[in-house]
Amino acid sequence: MATATATMPSALTHEPLLHDRTVTFAIAGRNDSSDSSRTSDVSSEKAKIRVQQPRRKSPAKKAEAHADDYVVDRSVSPNRLKTFLKAFKHIRDLTPQQVDDFMASYEIYNLDWADEEAMIAAFGPDYQQRVGRCLAAYYSVINHLCSLGDVEKMYIPPLMNKKASVRDNQLLCEESIAREIGLKPGMRVLDLGCGRGRVAAHMTSFSGAAVTGINIDANQVAQAREFNEKCGFGNEFVVRDQNDLPLPFADESFDAFYEIQALSLCKDPAALFKEIYRVLRPGSRFLLMDWVSLPAYDAANPTHASLMRRVKPLIGAVGTPTPSSFEAALCDAGFEVTRSDNPSIDGLQAGLIDKVDIYFRSVRRLINGLAKVHALPRHFKTLFDRLCLDGQAFVEMDNMRLITTTYRIVAVKPLHQASSPSPSPSPSS
């Protein structure tokens, strides 16, 4: 999903966004500001966190500190200890075939949707089906690996607040998305790449909107249903490959759309955006928060190209979109783009990425030690060695401003345009 993240204005007044936010991967343990000792699956707090102000601050300094105060809704945040233990058990019980399929799935990240000839040469004319199978094998394992840290939601949020933890930056990001697309009680919103349904639950808790999520991985969809039912929400989740079009929804059946870091798996964004346009009602808002290569990236530069080959498998990217390619595809579908920017503070995620990388490399050292003395199955070492590969390449590319995984584009379906004709949707999986 998965798994997506910007500063967002007020839903109704469209006030300017705050400029103290950024995106990054979250990790478990001390980075989690919630209390992981609780025994319930879902916490029941709405926490307000205030930054401690040093003494003798000038008025200007006090105002700056006050701006760092923030409120996040943790009322549906999963219990970290239970999440960790469930993920650990799932990884422990993986079969050799599941481990082999996961490791083999990385072959797709050496290719790109834009180079169809290479795809056909590697996988044959039915390459899209082969890629789909690889993605299913990849996400059936990676979501559990990520759940051992603070990236259970499988996305690095923008750095929304420098004082906040990774997980709180995720919550701040999600709440800003809800405001940006104007979510309110009674609205229906489509979530592409919904993952384990944690973002959907937070969206409903925060806004009162009903979420329909789609995801390629049946295991994640099952977890999403279970978690949202425990939260008391009627959110719906469908097993679906986003590249399998048309989408299984009626024309003009949703009031808003969002996705967080799911489009790197999209073969044809233009075709997908036309489908999303079809299922949205006129006046509905669309928000993507995703991976792009930035103007500074030069594919002819050997250093840039080498870093890209290392980073794409790490973040699970098959395509290599740009802001302009997304904007063009949205306009071609009929949307009007209202915002296109990088919401991270200073436009960088490197600090958060580094924190997550440090955490998982520390876990890897422990895992490898335990596997060496046969206290853990050998495949733990195999999986963690792959997971921790090239984290510093990601940090380097971000610092060089070559890529970001939190580029934000907001668009609206105009009131004066009707949905364009399209094939009838097929039944949901």
Protein backbone atom coordinates (compact mmCIF):
# COMPACT_ATOMS: atom_id res chain seq x y z
CA MET A 1 0.00 0.00 0.00
CA ALA A 2 1.54 0.10 1.13
CA THR A 3 0.83 1.29 1.48
CA ALA A 4 1.88 7.45 1.00
CA THR A 5 1.83 13.36 3.31
CA ALA A 6 1.90 17.09 3.05
CA THR A 7 0.89 20.18 4.82
CA MET A 8 -2.74 20.80 4.16
CA PRO A 9 -5.02 23.80 4.41
CA SER A 10 -8.40 23.96 6.09
CA ALA A 11 -10.98 21.86 4.29
CA LEU A 12 -13.52 24.60 3.73
CA THR A 13 -11.54 27.84 3.77
CA HIS A 14 -8.45 26.61 1.89
CA GLU A 15 -6.11 28.52 4.14
CA PRO A 16 -2.43 28.42 3.14
CA LEU A 17 -0.63 25.32 4.18
CA LEU A 18 1.72 25.34 7.13
CA HIS A 19 5.32 25.17 6.04
CA ASP A 20 6.76 23.10 8.86
CA ARG A 21 6.15 19.62 7.59
CA THR A 22 8.01 16.83 5.69
CA VAL A 23 7.77 13.07 4.82
CA THR A 24 9.68 10.00 5.89
CA PHE A 25 9.56 6.33 6.87
CA ALA A 26 8.63 5.57 10.43
CA ILE A 27 10.17 2.97 12.67
CA ALA A 28 9.07 1.28 15.81
CA GLY A 29 10.47 1.43 19.30
CA ARG A 30 11.51 4.70 20.84
CA ASN A 31 10.34 6.69 17.82
CA ASP A 32 6.76 5.81 18.69
CA SER A 33 5.23 8.44 20.94
CA SER A 34 2.26 6.23 21.77
CA ASP A 35 2.25 3.88 24.76
CA SER A 36 2.98 0.41 23.41
CA SER A 37 2.40 -1.22 26.79
CA ARG A 38 -1.39 -1.07 26.41
CA THR A 39 -3.14 -4.36 25.86
CA SER A 40 -5.98 -3.21 23.59
CA ASP A 41 -5.56 -3.43 19.81
CA VAL A 42 -6.64 0.17 19.39
CA SER A 43 -5.67 3.06 21.62
CA SER A 44 -8.32 5.41 22.96
CA GLU A 45 -6.56 8.73 23.20
CA LYS A 46 -6.60 11.98 21.32
CA ALA A 47 -3.21 13.35 22.23
CA LYS A 48 -2.06 16.94 22.33
CA ILE A 49 1.68 17.36 22.31
CA ARG A 50 3.34 20.62 23.26
CA VAL A 51 6.96 21.47 22.68
CA GLN A 52 8.76 22.50 25.84
CA GLN A 53 9.89 26.13 25.57
CA PRO A 54 13.33 27.01 26.91
CA ARG A 55 13.39 29.81 29.44
CA ARG A 56 13.98 33.45 28.52
CA LYS A 57 12.77 33.16 24.97
CA SER A 58 12.27 36.31 22.98
CA PRO A 59 8.72 37.01 21.69
CA ALA A 60 9.80 35.84 18.23
CA LYS A 61 11.20 32.60 19.64
CA LYS A 62 8.05 32.00 21.67
CA ALA A 63 5.88 32.44 18.59
CA GLU A 64 8.02 29.94 16.71
CA ALA A 65 7.72 27.40 19.53
CA HIS A 66 3.99 27.90 19.74
CA ALA A 67 3.74 27.11 16.01
CA ASP A 68 5.33 23.75 16.77
CA ASP A 69 2.45 22.74 19.04
CA TYR A 70 0.25 20.15 17.36
CA VAL A 71 -2.70 17.91 17.99
CA VAL A 72 -3.07 14.43 16.54
CA ASP A 73 -5.91 11.94 16.74
CA ARG A 74 -4.51 8.63 18.01
CA SER A 75 -7.91 7.19 18.84
CA VAL A 76 -7.49 4.40 16.28
CA SER A 77 -3.71 3.96 16.44
CA PRO A 78 -2.81 0.26 16.62
CA ASN A 79 -1.12 -1.12 19.72
CA ARG A 80 2.54 -1.28 18.77
CA LEU A 81 3.48 -4.33 20.84
CA LYS A 82 0.65 -6.47 19.47
CA THR A 83 1.38 -5.32 15.93
CA PHE A 84 5.07 -6.22 16.35
CA LEU A 85 4.32 -9.67 17.77
CA LYS A 86 1.79 -10.52 15.05
CA ALA A 87 4.20 -9.46 12.33
CA PHE A 88 7.07 -11.37 13.94
CA LYS A 89 4.97 -14.55 14.12
CA HIS A 90 3.90 -14.22 10.49
CA ILE A 91 7.50 -13.80 9.32
CA ARG A 92 8.66 -16.70 11.48
CA ASP A 93 6.04 -19.00 9.89
CA LEU A 94 6.75 -18.10 6.25
CA THR A 95 7.28 -21.11 4.03
CA PRO A 96 10.45 -21.49 1.94
CA GLN A 97 8.35 -20.89 -1.18
CA GLN A 98 6.98 -17.60 0.19
CA VAL A 99 10.50 -16.44 0.99
CA ASP A 100 11.75 -17.45 -2.47
CA ASP A 101 8.82 -15.70 -4.18
CA PHE A 102 9.48 -12.53 -2.20
CA MET A 103 13.16 -12.46 -3.07
CA ALA A 104 12.41 -13.22 -6.74
CA SER A 105 9.87 -10.40 -6.88
CA TYR A 106 12.68 -7.84 -6.81
CA GLU A 107 13.44 -8.63 -10.45
CA ILE A 108 10.62 -6.31 -11.56
CA TYR A 109 12.33 -3.29 -10.01
CA ASN A 110 15.22 -3.63 -12.46
CA LEU A 111 12.76 -2.67 -15.20
CA ASP A 112 10.40 0.23 -15.85
CA TRP A 113 6.85 0.46 -17.17
CA ALA A 114 8.09 3.02 -19.72
CA ASP A 115 10.33 0.42 -21.43
CA GLU A 116 7.79 -2.08 -22.72
CA GLU A 117 10.31 -3.82 -24.98
CA ALA A 118 12.47 -4.69 -22.00
CA MET A 119 9.42 -5.88 -20.08
CA ILE A 120 8.41 -8.20 -22.93
CA ALA A 121 11.97 -9.47 -23.34
CA ALA A 122 12.16 -10.31 -19.62
CA PHE A 123 8.66 -11.63 -18.96
CA GLY A 124 6.98 -12.24 -22.32
CA PRO A 125 3.92 -10.58 -23.88
CA ASP A 126 1.86 -11.16 -20.72
CA TYR A 127 4.37 -9.22 -18.65
CA GLN A 128 1.66 -7.26 -16.80
CA GLN A 129 0.34 -10.47 -15.25
CA ARG A 130 3.89 -11.51 -14.27
CA VAL A 131 4.49 -8.13 -12.64
CA GLY A 132 1.15 -8.43 -10.81
CA ARG A 133 2.17 -11.80 -9.37
CA CYS A 134 5.53 -10.40 -8.30
CA LEU A 135 3.86 -7.45 -6.60
CA ALA A 136 1.49 -9.75 -4.73
CA ALA A 137 4.43 -11.87 -3.52
CA TYR A 138 6.36 -8.74 -2.55
CA TYR A 139 3.58 -7.10 -0.54
CA SER A 140 2.52 -10.32 1.18
CA VAL A 141 5.86 -10.21 3.03
CA ILE A 142 7.02 -6.60 3.04
CA ASN A 143 3.96 -5.35 4.96
CA HIS A 144 4.89 -7.62 7.87
CA LEU A 145 8.55 -6.58 7.78
CA CYS A 146 7.52 -2.93 7.88
CA SER A 147 5.20 -3.64 10.80
CA LEU A 148 8.20 -4.51 12.94
CA GLY A 149 8.90 -0.78 12.89
CA ASP A 150 6.89 2.43 12.60
CA VAL A 151 6.30 1.95 8.87
CA GLU A 152 3.33 -0.37 9.27
CA LYS A 153 1.48 2.02 6.96
CA MET A 154 4.26 1.45 4.41
CA TYR A 155 4.97 5.04 3.58
CA ILE A 156 7.39 7.76 4.57
CA PRO A 157 5.37 10.85 5.51
CA PRO A 158 6.44 14.38 4.71
CA LEU A 159 8.22 16.04 7.58
CA MET A 160 5.18 17.90 8.82
CA ASN A 161 6.65 18.90 12.18
CA LYS A 162 10.29 18.69 13.24
CA LYS A 163 9.36 17.92 16.84
CA ALA A 164 7.03 15.04 15.98
CA SER A 165 7.90 11.35 15.75
CA VAL A 166 7.70 9.54 12.45
CA ARG A 167 4.32 8.07 13.33
CA ASP A 168 2.95 11.44 14.42
CA ASN A 169 4.21 12.94 11.17
CA GLN A 170 2.16 10.27 9.42
CA LEU A 171 -0.93 11.24 11.43
CA LEU A 172 -0.36 14.93 10.75
CA CYS A 173 0.02 14.15 7.06
CA GLU A 174 -3.19 12.11 6.92
CA GLU A 175 -5.19 14.78 8.72
CA SER A 176 -3.86 17.41 6.33
CA ILE A 177 -4.96 15.24 3.40
CA ALA A 178 -8.44 14.95 4.89
CA ARG A 179 -8.66 18.73 5.16
CA GLU A 180 -7.26 19.31 1.69
CA ILE A 181 -9.85 17.11 -0.01
CA GLY A 182 -12.61 18.41 2.24
CA LEU A 183 -13.67 15.20 3.97
CA LYS A 184 -16.82 15.47 6.07
CA PRO A 185 -19.28 13.03 7.70
CA GLY A 186 -21.39 11.21 5.14
CA MET A 187 -18.89 11.53 2.30
CA ARG A 188 -17.51 8.52 0.41
CA VAL A 189 -13.79 8.57 -0.35
CA LEU A 190 -11.73 6.16 -2.46
CA ASP A 191 -8.33 5.08 -1.10
CA LEU A 192 -6.01 3.56 -3.73
CA GLY A 193 -3.41 1.19 -2.25
CA CYS A 194 -5.11 1.03 1.15
CA GLY A 195 -2.66 -1.42 2.70
CA ARG A 196 -3.72 -2.72 6.12
CA GLY A 197 -6.49 -0.11 6.45
CA ARG A 198 -4.79 1.95 9.16
CA VAL A 199 -4.88 5.17 7.12
CA ALA A 200 -8.53 4.54 6.22
CA ALA A 201 -9.45 4.10 9.89
CA HIS A 202 -7.70 7.33 10.80
CA MET A 203 -9.46 9.18 7.98
CA THR A 204 -12.85 7.98 9.26
CA SER A 205 -12.03 8.73 12.89
CA PHE A 206 -10.78 12.22 12.01
CA SER A 207 -13.39 13.27 9.44
CA GLY A 208 -16.41 10.99 9.70
CA ALA A 209 -16.12 10.04 6.01
CA ALA A 210 -16.64 6.46 4.80
CA VAL A 211 -13.62 4.93 3.03
CA THR A 212 -13.50 2.33 0.28
CA GLY A 213 -10.00 0.94 -0.15
CA ILE A 214 -8.46 -1.18 -2.87
CA ASN A 215 -5.22 -3.17 -2.64
CA ILE A 216 -3.50 -5.91 -4.60
CA ASP A 217 -2.66 -8.03 -1.53
CA ALA A 218 -5.48 -10.18 -0.12
CA ASN A 219 -3.66 -10.56 3.20
CA GLN A 220 -3.53 -6.80 3.74
CA VAL A 221 -7.17 -6.40 2.72
CA ALA A 222 -8.18 -9.07 5.27
CA GLN A 223 -6.24 -7.18 7.96
CA ALA A 224 -7.84 -3.90 6.89
CA ARG A 225 -11.33 -5.37 7.23
CA GLU A 226 -10.58 -6.87 10.63
CA PHE A 227 -8.99 -3.70 12.00
CA ASN A 228 -11.75 -1.37 10.80
CA GLU A 229 -14.44 -3.69 12.15
CA LYS A 230 -12.73 -3.58 15.56
CA CYS A 231 -12.78 0.21 15.32
CA GLY A 232 -16.54 0.07 14.66
CA PHE A 233 -16.27 1.46 11.12
CA GLY A 234 -18.19 0.25 8.08
CA ASN A 235 -15.33 0.94 5.69
CA GLU A 236 -15.08 -1.38 2.70
CA PHE A 237 -11.97 -3.00 1.22
CA VAL A 238 -11.55 -4.73 -2.13
CA VAL A 239 -8.79 -6.96 -3.47
CA ARG A 240 -7.82 -5.33 -6.76
CA ASP A 241 -4.77 -4.63 -8.90
CA GLN A 242 -4.88 -0.92 -9.79
CA ASN A 243 -3.72 -1.86 -13.28
CA ASP A 244 -6.81 -4.04 -13.79
CA LEU A 245 -9.19 -1.52 -15.34
CA PRO A 246 -11.98 -0.49 -15.29
CA LEU A 247 -12.35 -0.05 -11.55
CA PRO A 248 -15.25 -2.02 -10.02
CA PHE A 249 -17.31 1.05 -9.09
CA ALA A 250 -20.27 2.88 -10.60
CA ASP A 251 -20.00 6.30 -12.26
CA GLU A 252 -19.91 9.27 -9.87
CA SER A 253 -20.02 7.11 -6.74
CA PHE A 254 -17.34 8.89 -4.67
CA ASP A 255 -16.97 12.38 -3.19
CA ALA A 256 -13.16 12.41 -2.96
CA PHE A 257 -10.02 10.43 -3.73
CA TYR A 258 -6.56 10.08 -2.18
CA GLU A 259 -3.55 7.82 -2.51
CA ILE A 260 -0.25 7.70 -0.64
CA GLN A 261 2.76 6.24 -2.44
CA ALA A 262 0.87 3.68 -4.52
CA LEU A 263 1.29 5.03 -8.07
CA SER A 264 4.86 3.79 -8.44
CA LEU A 265 3.15 0.48 -9.27
CA CYS A 266 0.83 2.03 -11.88
CA LYS A 267 1.48 0.98 -15.48
CA ASP A 268 -0.63 3.70 -17.12
CA PRO A 269 -1.42 6.71 -14.89
CA ALA A 270 -3.38 8.40 -17.69
CA ALA A 271 -5.78 5.45 -17.98
CA LEU A 272 -6.09 5.14 -14.20
CA PHE A 273 -6.81 8.86 -13.75
CA LYS A 274 -9.58 8.65 -16.36
CA GLU A 275 -11.15 5.85 -14.35
CA ILE A 276 -10.88 7.85 -11.12
CA TYR A 277 -12.43 10.82 -12.93
CA ARG A 278 -15.32 8.55 -13.95
CA VAL A 279 -16.09 7.35 -10.41
CA LEU A 280 -15.85 10.82 -8.80
CA ARG A 281 -18.78 13.19 -8.61
CA PRO A 282 -18.39 16.66 -10.17
CA GLY A 283 -16.66 19.01 -7.77
CA SER A 284 -14.80 16.17 -6.04
CA ARG A 285 -11.17 16.62 -5.06
CA PHE A 286 -8.30 14.32 -5.96
CA LEU A 287 -5.00 14.12 -4.06
CA LEU A 288 -1.91 12.08 -4.80
CA MET A 289 1.16 11.93 -2.56
CA ASP A 290 3.80 9.96 -4.35
CA TRP A 291 7.23 9.10 -5.61
CA VAL A 292 8.68 11.16 -8.47
CA SER A 293 12.03 11.92 -9.98
CA LEU A 294 12.74 15.65 -9.73
CA PRO A 295 14.15 18.02 -12.38
CA ALA A 296 17.68 17.72 -10.96
CA TYR A 297 17.78 14.01 -11.81
CA ASP A 298 19.74 13.27 -14.98
CA ALA A 299 19.45 9.71 -16.31
CA ALA A 300 22.63 10.28 -18.35
CA ASN A 301 24.61 11.02 -15.20
CA PRO A 302 26.31 7.75 -14.11
CA THR A 303 26.07 8.64 -10.41
CA HIS A 304 22.40 9.51 -10.67
CA ALA A 305 21.59 6.39 -12.67
CA SER A 306 23.48 4.13 -10.26
CA LEU A 307 21.66 5.59 -7.27
CA MET A 308 18.32 5.17 -9.03
CA ARG A 309 19.00 1.48 -9.71
CA ARG A 310 19.64 1.00 -5.98
CA VAL A 311 16.72 3.05 -4.66
CA LYS A 312 13.83 1.82 -6.85
CA PRO A 313 13.90 -1.72 -5.39
CA LEU A 314 14.12 -0.26 -1.88
CA ILE A 315 10.94 1.80 -2.25
CA GLY A 316 9.14 -0.70 -4.48
CA ALA A 317 8.93 1.44 -7.63
CA VAL A 318 8.33 -0.01 -11.08
CA GLY A 319 7.61 3.28 -12.83
CA THR A 320 9.61 6.51 -12.68
CA PRO A 321 7.04 9.32 -12.95
CA THR A 322 7.73 13.06 -12.81
CA PRO A 323 5.53 15.88 -11.53
CA SER A 324 4.90 17.05 -15.09
CA SER A 325 3.92 13.56 -16.27
CA PHE A 326 1.35 13.27 -13.47
CA GLU A 327 -0.01 16.76 -14.16
CA ALA A 328 -0.35 16.06 -17.88
CA ALA A 329 -2.15 12.76 -17.21
CA LEU A 330 -4.57 14.47 -14.81
CA CYS A 331 -5.37 17.26 -17.26
CA ASP A 332 -5.85 14.72 -20.06
CA ALA A 333 -8.36 12.90 -17.85
CA GLY A 334 -10.34 16.12 -17.38
CA PHE A 335 -9.14 17.26 -13.96
CA GLU A 336 -8.03 20.78 -13.12
CA VAL A 337 -4.75 20.79 -11.16
CA THR A 338 -4.93 23.21 -8.24
CA ARG A 339 -1.68 22.42 -6.44
CA SER A 340 1.62 20.77 -7.32
CA ASP A 341 4.41 20.91 -4.73
CA ASN A 342 6.71 19.16 -2.30
CA PRO A 343 5.20 19.63 1.18
CA SER A 344 8.19 18.44 3.22
CA ILE A 345 9.95 21.00 5.38
CA ASP A 346 12.84 22.31 3.28
CA GLY A 347 11.73 19.82 0.63
CA LEU A 348 13.74 17.02 2.26
CA GLN A 349 12.97 13.65 3.84
CA ALA A 350 16.55 12.58 4.48
CA GLY A 351 16.47 12.98 8.27
CA LEU A 352 13.46 10.73 8.69
CA ILE A 353 14.68 8.21 6.14
CA ASP A 354 17.95 7.99 8.04
CA LYS A 355 16.19 7.38 11.35
CA VAL A 356 14.26 4.50 9.88
CA ASP A 357 17.32 3.08 8.19
CA ILE A 358 19.29 3.21 11.45
CA TYR A 359 16.49 1.43 13.31
CA PHE A 360 16.11 -1.42 10.84
CA ARG A 361 19.88 -1.90 10.52
CA SER A 362 20.04 -2.19 14.32
CA VAL A 363 17.28 -4.80 14.22
CA ARG A 364 19.14 -6.62 11.45
CA ARG A 365 22.23 -6.96 13.63
CA LEU A 366 20.14 -8.54 16.38
CA ILE A 367 18.29 -10.78 13.90
CA ASN A 368 21.50 -11.95 12.27
CA GLY A 369 23.02 -12.78 15.65
CA LEU A 370 20.00 -14.83 16.68
CA ALA A 371 19.85 -16.59 13.30
CA LYS A 372 23.54 -17.45 13.58
CA VAL A 373 22.96 -19.36 16.83
CA HIS A 374 19.79 -20.93 15.37
CA ALA A 375 17.47 -19.04 17.73
CA LEU A 376 15.55 -17.79 14.67
CA PRO A 377 14.86 -19.38 11.28
CA ARG A 378 17.57 -18.65 8.73
CA HIS A 379 15.16 -16.81 6.45
CA PHE A 380 15.00 -13.91 8.94
CA LYS A 381 18.57 -13.04 7.93
CA THR A 382 17.75 -13.33 4.23
CA LEU A 383 14.75 -11.00 4.54
CA PHE A 384 16.43 -8.37 6.71
CA ASP A 385 19.55 -8.28 4.57
CA ARG A 386 17.32 -7.46 1.59
CA LEU A 387 15.17 -4.97 3.53
CA CYS A 388 18.16 -2.97 4.77
CA LEU A 389 19.96 -2.81 1.46
CA ASP A 390 20.66 0.68 0.07
CA GLY A 391 18.93 2.84 2.68
CA GLN A 392 21.80 5.31 2.53
CA ALA A 393 21.43 5.58 -1.25
CA PHE A 394 17.88 6.78 -0.59
CA VAL A 395 19.19 9.37 1.87
CA GLU A 396 21.79 10.52 -0.66
CA MET A 397 19.28 10.94 -3.48
CA ASP A 398 16.97 12.92 -1.23
CA ASN A 399 19.77 15.21 -0.07
CA MET A 400 20.73 15.76 -3.71
CA ARG A 401 17.07 16.62 -4.43
CA LEU A 402 16.92 14.03 -7.20
CA ILE A 403 13.76 12.29 -5.96
CA THR A 404 11.07 12.44 -3.32
CA THR A 405 8.42 9.97 -2.23
CA THR A 406 6.08 12.73 -1.04
CA TYR A 407 5.32 14.90 -4.02
CA ARG A 408 1.79 16.26 -3.72
CA ILE A 409 -0.66 17.08 -6.50
CA VAL A 410 -4.23 18.23 -5.81
CA ALA A 411 -6.84 18.38 -8.54
CA VAL A 412 -10.60 18.83 -8.86
CA LYS A 413 -13.21 17.36 -11.17
CA PRO A 414 -14.95 20.44 -12.62
CA LEU A 415 -18.61 20.96 -11.85
CA HIS A 416 -19.43 21.77 -15.46
CA GLN A 417 -18.08 18.54 -16.96
CA ALA A 418 -19.88 15.22 -17.01
CA SER A 419 -18.17 11.85 -16.72
CA SER A 420 -16.82 10.60 -20.03
CA PRO A 421 -18.16 7.29 -21.35
CA SER A 422 -16.24 4.24 -20.27
CA PRO A 423 -16.60 0.46 -20.18
CA SER A 424 -18.88 -0.99 -17.55
CA PRO A 425 -16.96 -1.90 -14.40
CA SER A 426 -16.29 -5.55 -13.77
CA PRO A 427 -17.31 -7.20 -10.48
CA SER A 428 -14.93 -6.71 -7.58
CA SER A 429 -12.59 -9.51 -6.65
